[in-house]
C-alpha cells in the first residue's frame, strides 16, 4: 500500500490501498502520482481538520505535493489553534514552511522547517518518513544559497547513514563558497 495507503487510512479510516508513496518530497515530488486525485477520495474535513498530528503532517505533504498553497494556508490556520500542543508548535510552522517552499520563498521555508525539525518526533511515523522534512529543508537551504548550513546538514546525514545522493551533493558543495552573493 505504501505510505499514501497509510496516510489515507489515517486521514480516512475507510481509506484506499495500493497508492504510491506521496510523502517523498521535495525532489521526489515530480515522480509521485496525482495528489489531487488522491485527496479527492478523502473527506475535506479530514484534510483540513485532521484529528492527529500524523494525519496533519501527511495532509500537509500531500497538499504541498499538489502545490495547493491555499490548502496549506487553510491547514496552517486550523493547526495554529488545533486540538493539541503539537498542532500550533509543529503542524502550523510545517504547513507554513511547505507553503513557502512551494511558493519559492526558500529562505523562509528553511527557517520554518528548521524550527519544525527540532520537534519532528512529535509527528510520529518512521525516521524515513520524517526525513521528508529534512529533504525539503536541504533543498530550501540550497535554493536559498545557505550553503554552509546545507553542507552541515548533509554531513550530519552522512554521519547517520550512507547515501550516494548526499555524498554527491557534499562533493558538489565543497567547491562552492560559504554562501551566494546577495
Protein backbone atom coordinates (compact mmCIF):
# COMPACT_ATOMS: atom_id res chain seq x y z
CA UNK A 1 0.00 0.00 0.00
CA UNK A 2 2.95 2.34 0.53
CA UNK A 3 2.95 5.45 2.67
CA UNK A 4 -0.03 7.00 0.88
CA UNK A 5 -2.12 3.98 1.88
CA UNK A 6 -1.13 4.55 5.49
CA UNK A 7 -1.81 8.27 5.09
CA UNK A 8 -5.21 7.72 3.56
CA UNK A 9 -6.05 5.17 6.24
CA UNK A 10 -5.01 7.69 8.89
CA UNK A 11 -6.94 10.50 7.24
CA UNK A 12 -9.95 8.44 6.26
CA UNK A 13 -10.41 5.12 8.06
CA UNK A 14 -12.28 3.64 5.09
CA UNK A 15 -9.07 4.58 3.19
CA UNK A 16 -7.76 3.42 -0.14
CA UNK A 17 -4.97 0.96 -0.71
CA UNK A 18 -2.43 0.42 -3.45
CA UNK A 19 -1.43 4.09 -3.66
CA UNK A 20 2.12 5.24 -4.34
CA UNK A 21 4.28 6.98 -1.76
CA UNK A 22 3.29 10.64 -1.96
CA UNK A 23 5.37 11.60 1.05
CA UNK A 24 8.60 11.56 -0.98
CA UNK A 25 9.11 15.27 -1.29
CA UNK A 26 10.65 17.64 -2.45
CA UNK A 27 12.84 16.40 -5.29
CA UNK A 28 10.79 13.23 -5.38
CA UNK A 29 7.50 15.19 -5.76
CA UNK A 30 7.81 15.05 -9.52
CA UNK A 31 7.65 11.25 -9.51
CA UNK A 32 4.52 10.94 -7.38
CA UNK A 33 1.05 10.08 -8.54
CA UNK A 34 -1.55 12.80 -8.97
CA UNK A 35 -2.13 14.13 -5.47
CA UNK A 36 -5.42 15.92 -6.22
CA UNK A 37 -6.92 12.58 -7.28
CA UNK A 38 -5.72 11.02 -4.05
CA UNK A 39 -7.10 13.81 -1.91
CA UNK A 40 -10.42 13.62 -3.77
CA UNK A 41 -11.18 10.31 -2.03
CA UNK A 42 -10.63 11.86 1.41
CA UNK A 43 -13.25 13.91 3.23
CA UNK A 44 -12.01 17.54 3.12
CA UNK A 45 -12.76 17.75 6.84
CA UNK A 46 -10.08 15.11 7.42
CA UNK A 47 -7.55 17.03 5.31
CA UNK A 48 -8.19 20.47 6.72
CA UNK A 49 -9.19 19.50 10.28
CA UNK A 50 -7.16 16.32 10.90
CA UNK A 51 -7.52 14.56 14.22
CA UNK A 52 -3.88 13.62 14.78
CA UNK A 53 -0.50 15.24 14.16
CA UNK A 54 0.44 12.26 11.95
CA UNK A 55 -2.61 12.83 9.75
CA UNK A 56 -1.99 16.61 9.67
CA UNK A 57 1.63 16.11 8.68
CA UNK A 58 0.72 13.82 5.81
CA UNK A 59 -2.10 16.12 4.72
CA UNK A 60 0.44 18.97 4.59
CA UNK A 61 2.84 16.89 2.49
CA UNK A 62 0.06 15.86 0.10
CA UNK A 63 -1.13 19.48 -0.24
CA UNK A 64 2.45 20.60 -0.90
CA UNK A 65 2.95 17.86 -3.48
CA UNK A 66 -0.21 19.13 -5.17
CA UNK A 67 1.15 22.70 -4.93
CA UNK A 68 -2.04 23.69 -3.06
CA UNK A 69 -0.87 26.83 -1.27
CA UNK A 70 -4.43 27.82 -0.33
CA UNK A 71 -4.94 24.39 1.20
CA UNK A 72 -1.67 24.69 3.13
CA UNK A 73 -2.76 28.10 4.42
CA UNK A 74 -6.11 26.65 5.49
CA UNK A 75 -4.45 23.72 7.26
CA UNK A 76 -2.00 26.12 8.92
CA UNK A 77 -4.82 28.29 10.25
CA UNK A 78 -6.52 25.26 11.75
CA UNK A 79 -3.25 24.00 13.24
CA UNK A 80 -2.47 27.36 14.84
CA UNK A 81 -5.33 26.76 17.25
CA UNK A 82 -5.55 22.99 16.78
CA UNK A 83 -6.64 20.28 19.14
CA UNK A 84 -3.35 19.75 20.95
CA UNK A 85 0.05 21.31 21.60
CA UNK A 86 1.72 19.63 18.59
CA UNK A 87 -0.61 21.38 16.17
CA UNK A 88 0.44 25.00 16.89
CA UNK A 89 4.04 24.07 17.77
CA UNK A 90 4.80 21.77 14.82
CA UNK A 91 1.98 21.47 12.28
CA UNK A 92 1.37 25.23 11.84
CA UNK A 93 5.04 26.00 11.06
CA UNK A 94 5.27 22.86 8.92
CA UNK A 95 2.31 23.97 6.79
CA UNK A 96 3.80 27.49 6.56
CA UNK A 97 7.23 26.10 5.67
CA UNK A 98 5.88 23.83 2.97
CA UNK A 99 3.77 26.69 1.61
CA UNK A 100 6.85 28.94 1.48
CA UNK A 101 8.75 26.16 -0.29
CA UNK A 102 6.02 25.68 -2.90
CA UNK A 103 5.88 29.46 -3.45
CA UNK A 104 9.64 29.59 -3.98
CA UNK A 105 10.35 31.53 -0.77
CA UNK A 106 13.22 29.25 0.13
CA UNK A 107 14.84 31.31 2.87
CA UNK A 108 11.51 31.49 4.76
CA UNK A 109 10.92 27.78 4.10
CA UNK A 110 14.34 26.92 5.53
CA UNK A 111 13.77 28.96 8.68
CA UNK A 112 10.35 27.42 9.30
CA UNK A 113 11.44 23.86 8.54
CA UNK A 114 14.50 24.18 10.81
CA UNK A 115 12.12 25.05 13.65
CA UNK A 116 9.93 22.04 12.79
CA UNK A 117 12.91 19.66 12.78
CA UNK A 118 13.52 20.32 16.47
CA UNK A 119 10.12 18.80 17.27
CA UNK A 120 9.50 16.45 14.34
CA UNK A 121 9.45 13.33 16.52
CA UNK A 122 6.11 14.60 17.86
CA UNK A 123 4.66 13.93 14.40
CA UNK A 124 5.06 10.19 14.75
CA UNK A 125 5.93 7.98 11.83
CA UNK A 126 9.25 6.45 10.94
CA UNK A 127 12.62 8.15 10.63
CA UNK A 128 12.38 7.59 6.87
CA UNK A 129 9.03 9.37 6.77
CA UNK A 130 10.36 12.26 8.87
CA UNK A 131 13.33 12.52 6.52
CA UNK A 132 10.89 14.10 4.05
CA UNK A 133 11.05 17.26 6.18
CA UNK A 134 14.84 17.13 6.19
CA UNK A 135 14.95 16.59 2.41
CA UNK A 136 12.76 19.63 1.90
CA UNK A 137 14.85 21.66 4.35
CA UNK A 138 18.01 20.69 2.50
CA UNK A 139 16.56 21.72 -0.85
CA UNK A 140 15.35 25.01 0.66
CA UNK A 141 18.80 25.73 2.13
CA UNK A 142 20.46 25.05 -1.22
CA UNK A 143 17.93 27.14 -3.15
CA UNK A 144 18.30 30.00 -0.65
CA UNK A 145 22.08 29.96 -1.05
CA UNK A 146 22.62 28.93 2.58
CA UNK A 147 25.36 26.58 1.51
CA UNK A 148 27.27 26.30 4.80
CA UNK A 149 24.08 25.20 6.57
CA UNK A 150 23.28 22.79 3.74
CA UNK A 151 26.79 21.33 3.95
CA UNK A 152 26.44 20.89 7.72
CA UNK A 153 23.09 19.14 7.32
CA UNK A 154 24.47 16.82 4.65
CA UNK A 155 27.47 15.95 6.83
CA UNK A 156 25.12 15.17 9.72
CA UNK A 157 23.02 12.96 7.45
CA UNK A 158 26.10 11.10 6.21
CA UNK A 159 27.21 10.52 9.81
CA UNK A 160 23.81 8.94 10.43
CA UNK A 161 23.63 6.74 7.30
CA UNK A 162 25.29 6.31 3.90
CA UNK A 163 23.75 7.97 0.86
CA UNK A 164 25.22 8.31 -2.61
CA UNK A 165 22.93 11.26 -3.29
CA UNK A 166 24.17 13.10 -0.19
CA UNK A 167 27.79 12.19 -0.93
CA UNK A 168 27.37 13.65 -4.43
CA UNK A 169 25.79 16.81 -3.02
CA UNK A 170 28.56 17.22 -0.46
CA UNK A 171 31.18 16.79 -3.17
CA UNK A 172 29.44 19.45 -5.27
CA UNK A 173 29.28 21.83 -2.30
CA UNK A 174 32.96 21.53 -1.36
CA UNK A 175 33.92 23.74 -4.28
CA UNK A 176 31.30 26.40 -3.53
CA UNK A 177 31.87 29.50 -1.38
CA UNK A 178 30.13 29.66 2.00
CA UNK A 179 27.15 31.50 0.52
CA UNK A 180 26.00 33.07 -2.70
CA UNK A 181 26.38 36.78 -3.19
CA UNK A 182 23.20 38.70 -2.38
